[in-house]
Protein backbone atom coordinates (compact mmCIF):
# COMPACT_ATOMS: atom_id res chain seq x y z
CA MET A 1 24.97 -13.80 -25.45
CA ASN A 2 27.71 -13.25 -22.87
CA GLN A 3 29.69 -16.48 -22.40
CA ALA A 4 29.47 -16.12 -18.59
CA VAL A 5 25.67 -16.28 -18.74
CA LYS A 6 25.51 -19.67 -20.47
CA ASN A 7 25.18 -22.60 -18.10
CA ASP A 8 27.34 -25.01 -20.09
CA ASN A 9 30.15 -24.80 -17.55
CA PRO A 10 29.81 -27.37 -14.72
CA ASP A 11 31.72 -24.99 -12.42
CA ASN A 12 28.73 -22.65 -12.66
CA ASP A 13 26.57 -25.08 -10.66
CA GLU A 14 28.79 -24.72 -7.58
CA LEU A 15 29.20 -20.97 -8.09
CA ASP A 16 25.45 -20.55 -8.49
CA ARG A 17 24.90 -22.47 -5.26
CA ARG A 18 27.38 -20.20 -3.47
CA ILE A 19 25.59 -17.13 -4.88
CA VAL A 20 22.20 -18.40 -3.69
CA MET A 21 23.64 -19.18 -0.24
CA ALA A 22 25.10 -15.65 -0.03
CA THR A 23 21.90 -13.90 -1.10
CA GLN A 24 18.98 -16.04 0.12
CA SER A 25 18.65 -14.24 3.46
CA GLY A 26 18.72 -10.84 1.80
CA LEU A 27 21.11 -8.39 0.26
CA PRO A 28 23.28 -6.24 2.49
CA VAL A 29 21.86 -2.77 3.07
CA VAL A 30 24.77 -0.85 1.57
CA ALA A 31 25.21 1.43 -1.43
CA ASN A 32 26.62 -1.38 -3.62
CA PRO A 33 25.24 -4.71 -2.34
CA TYR A 34 26.28 -6.73 -5.40
CA SER A 35 29.87 -5.50 -5.13
CA GLN A 36 29.95 -6.51 -1.47
CA ILE A 37 28.59 -9.99 -2.24
CA ALA A 38 31.02 -10.42 -5.14
CA GLU A 39 33.88 -9.45 -2.84
CA GLN A 40 32.66 -11.94 -0.22
CA LEU A 41 32.54 -14.68 -2.90
CA GLU A 42 35.89 -13.54 -4.36
CA ILE A 43 34.49 -13.13 -7.87
CA PRO A 44 34.09 -10.12 -10.18
CA THR A 45 30.87 -8.17 -9.71
CA GLN A 46 30.01 -8.62 -13.40
CA LEU A 47 30.24 -12.41 -13.05
CA LEU A 48 27.85 -12.25 -10.08
CA MET A 49 25.41 -10.16 -12.12
CA ASP A 50 25.72 -12.53 -15.11
CA ARG A 51 25.07 -15.62 -12.99
CA LEU A 52 22.04 -14.02 -11.30
CA GLU A 53 20.65 -13.11 -14.71
CA ALA A 54 21.26 -16.67 -15.97
CA MET A 55 19.42 -18.10 -12.96
CA LYS A 56 16.50 -15.75 -13.61
CA GLN A 57 16.45 -16.61 -17.32
CA ASP A 58 16.25 -20.37 -16.72
CA ASN A 59 13.80 -19.91 -13.79
CA ARG A 60 16.05 -21.20 -11.04
CA ILE A 61 15.28 -17.93 -9.29
CA ARG A 62 12.05 -16.08 -9.90
CA ARG A 63 12.95 -12.54 -8.95
CA ILE A 64 15.10 -10.30 -6.83
CA GLY A 65 13.09 -7.77 -4.88
CA VAL A 66 12.76 -5.74 -1.74
CA VAL A 67 10.86 -7.30 1.17
CA PRO A 68 10.43 -4.58 3.80
CA ASN A 69 9.97 -5.43 7.47
CA HIS A 70 6.84 -3.40 8.17
CA TYR A 71 7.18 -3.80 11.91
CA LYS A 72 10.64 -2.23 11.95
CA LEU A 73 9.21 0.65 9.93
CA GLY A 74 6.52 1.24 12.57
CA TYR A 75 3.62 -0.36 10.71
CA THR A 76 2.37 -2.74 13.37
CA ALA A 77 -1.22 -3.16 12.16
CA ASN A 78 -1.62 -5.46 9.18
CA GLY A 79 -4.99 -5.99 7.59
CA MET A 80 -5.79 -8.30 4.74
CA SER A 81 -8.73 -6.58 3.11
CA VAL A 82 -11.00 -9.10 1.42
CA TRP A 83 -13.42 -8.15 -1.34
CA ASP A 84 -16.39 -9.76 -3.03
CA VAL A 85 -15.95 -8.74 -6.66
CA ASP A 86 -17.83 -10.05 -9.68
CA ASP A 87 -15.59 -12.56 -11.46
CA SER A 88 -16.11 -10.78 -14.80
CA ILE A 89 -14.23 -7.68 -13.55
CA ILE A 90 -11.81 -9.19 -11.03
CA ASN A 91 -8.72 -8.67 -13.21
CA GLU A 92 -9.60 -5.01 -13.74
CA VAL A 93 -10.29 -4.43 -10.03
CA GLY A 94 -7.21 -6.40 -9.00
CA GLU A 95 -5.02 -4.25 -11.26
CA GLN A 96 -6.63 -1.14 -9.80
CA LEU A 97 -5.99 -2.24 -6.20
CA GLY A 98 -2.50 -3.51 -6.94
CA GLN A 99 -1.45 -0.08 -8.18
CA LEU A 100 -2.46 1.71 -4.98
CA ASP A 101 0.43 2.84 -2.78
CA MET A 102 -1.44 1.66 0.32
CA VAL A 103 -1.67 -1.95 -0.99
CA THR A 104 1.49 -4.03 -0.66
CA HIS A 105 0.18 -7.08 -2.48
CA CYS A 106 -3.05 -8.10 -4.11
CA TYR A 107 -4.25 -11.44 -5.45
CA GLN A 108 -7.28 -13.50 -6.40
CA ARG A 109 -8.40 -16.51 -4.36
CA PRO A 110 -11.29 -18.94 -4.86
CA ARG A 111 -14.58 -18.42 -3.10
CA PHE A 112 -15.93 -21.08 -0.74
CA LEU A 113 -19.66 -20.49 -0.93
CA PRO A 114 -21.84 -20.07 0.96
CA GLU A 115 -19.47 -19.35 3.90
CA TRP A 116 -16.82 -17.32 2.08
CA SER A 117 -17.77 -15.06 -0.83
CA TYR A 118 -14.54 -13.05 -0.98
CA ASN A 119 -12.35 -13.58 -4.02
CA LEU A 120 -9.94 -10.62 -4.02
CA PHE A 121 -7.37 -10.02 -1.27
CA ALA A 122 -5.31 -6.85 -0.75
CA MET A 123 -2.84 -6.35 2.13
CA VAL A 124 -2.87 -2.96 3.85
CA HIS A 125 -0.45 -1.89 6.60
CA GLY A 126 -0.83 0.90 9.14
CA HIS A 127 0.56 2.22 12.39
CA ASP A 128 -2.62 1.03 14.09
CA ARG A 129 -5.89 -0.69 13.20
CA GLU A 130 -7.74 2.59 12.78
CA GLU A 131 -5.29 3.66 10.08
CA VAL A 132 -5.82 0.34 8.29
CA ARG A 133 -9.60 0.70 8.56
CA ALA A 134 -9.40 4.24 7.12
CA LYS A 135 -7.29 3.04 4.18
CA VAL A 136 -9.68 0.18 3.46
CA GLU A 137 -12.60 2.61 3.50
CA GLN A 138 -10.72 4.78 0.98
CA ILE A 139 -10.41 1.69 -1.22
CA ALA A 140 -14.12 0.93 -0.77
CA THR A 141 -14.99 4.47 -1.85
CA LEU A 142 -12.70 4.17 -4.86
CA LEU A 143 -14.26 0.85 -5.91
CA GLY A 144 -17.84 1.95 -5.34
CA ASN A 145 -20.26 -0.70 -6.56
CA LYS A 146 -17.48 -2.83 -8.11
CA ALA A 147 -17.22 -4.54 -4.72
CA ARG A 148 -20.39 -6.04 -3.30
CA LYS A 149 -18.92 -6.23 0.22
CA HIS A 150 -15.59 -6.29 2.02
CA ASP A 151 -14.01 -7.05 5.37
CA ILE A 152 -10.61 -6.86 7.07
CA LEU A 153 -8.72 -9.77 8.57
CA PHE A 154 -6.14 -8.38 11.02
CA SER A 155 -2.89 -10.21 11.73
CA THR A 156 -2.62 -11.53 15.27
CA ARG A 157 0.98 -12.70 15.08
CA ILE A 158 4.05 -12.36 12.90
CA LEU A 159 4.78 -15.28 10.61
CA LYS A 160 8.25 -15.76 9.22
CA LYS A 161 7.98 -15.28 5.48
CA THR A 162 10.77 -16.93 3.55
CA GLY A 163 11.10 -18.86 0.36
CA LEU A 164 13.03 -22.03 -0.20
CA ARG A 165 16.40 -22.01 1.58
CA LEU A 166 19.45 -24.06 0.69
CA LYS A 167 21.43 -25.62 3.51
CA ASP A 168 25.18 -25.35 3.69
CA LYS A 169 26.82 -28.58 2.48
CA GLY A 170 29.36 -28.54 5.31
């Protein structure tokens, strides 16, 4: 294992905090974001990469991924499609929905019978509500009788989606 990855150096705690502070609001949209962050932190790019990997390995950070702003991309209609799927096939159907390009995220939630029978949720974005409705109908056709019923819950406002944020010590 690369020595830089091990967390037996107490100096790593402060460096890791600085790395999280520099990256928690997003990576810069440039060709080499890690190089830019490393330069900002005045450390070698490889050390930055090693520390990020160490934080992922010991679960201090879960993942590094792209979170697009759908509104800036022109997708102003957001519909959470909800599906009533037999529990015996929910994993299969969830995998199927999660692989569709038109679904940005998909997950299982508990039912609250008798009022709420839906147990599978899949987010669909569109330029308008009609586009979302058309995409959800495509999904319904694809699923056929695997889904007993479905509906769409449209967003009415934008919620700020962020994870845990560290505050600057100073």
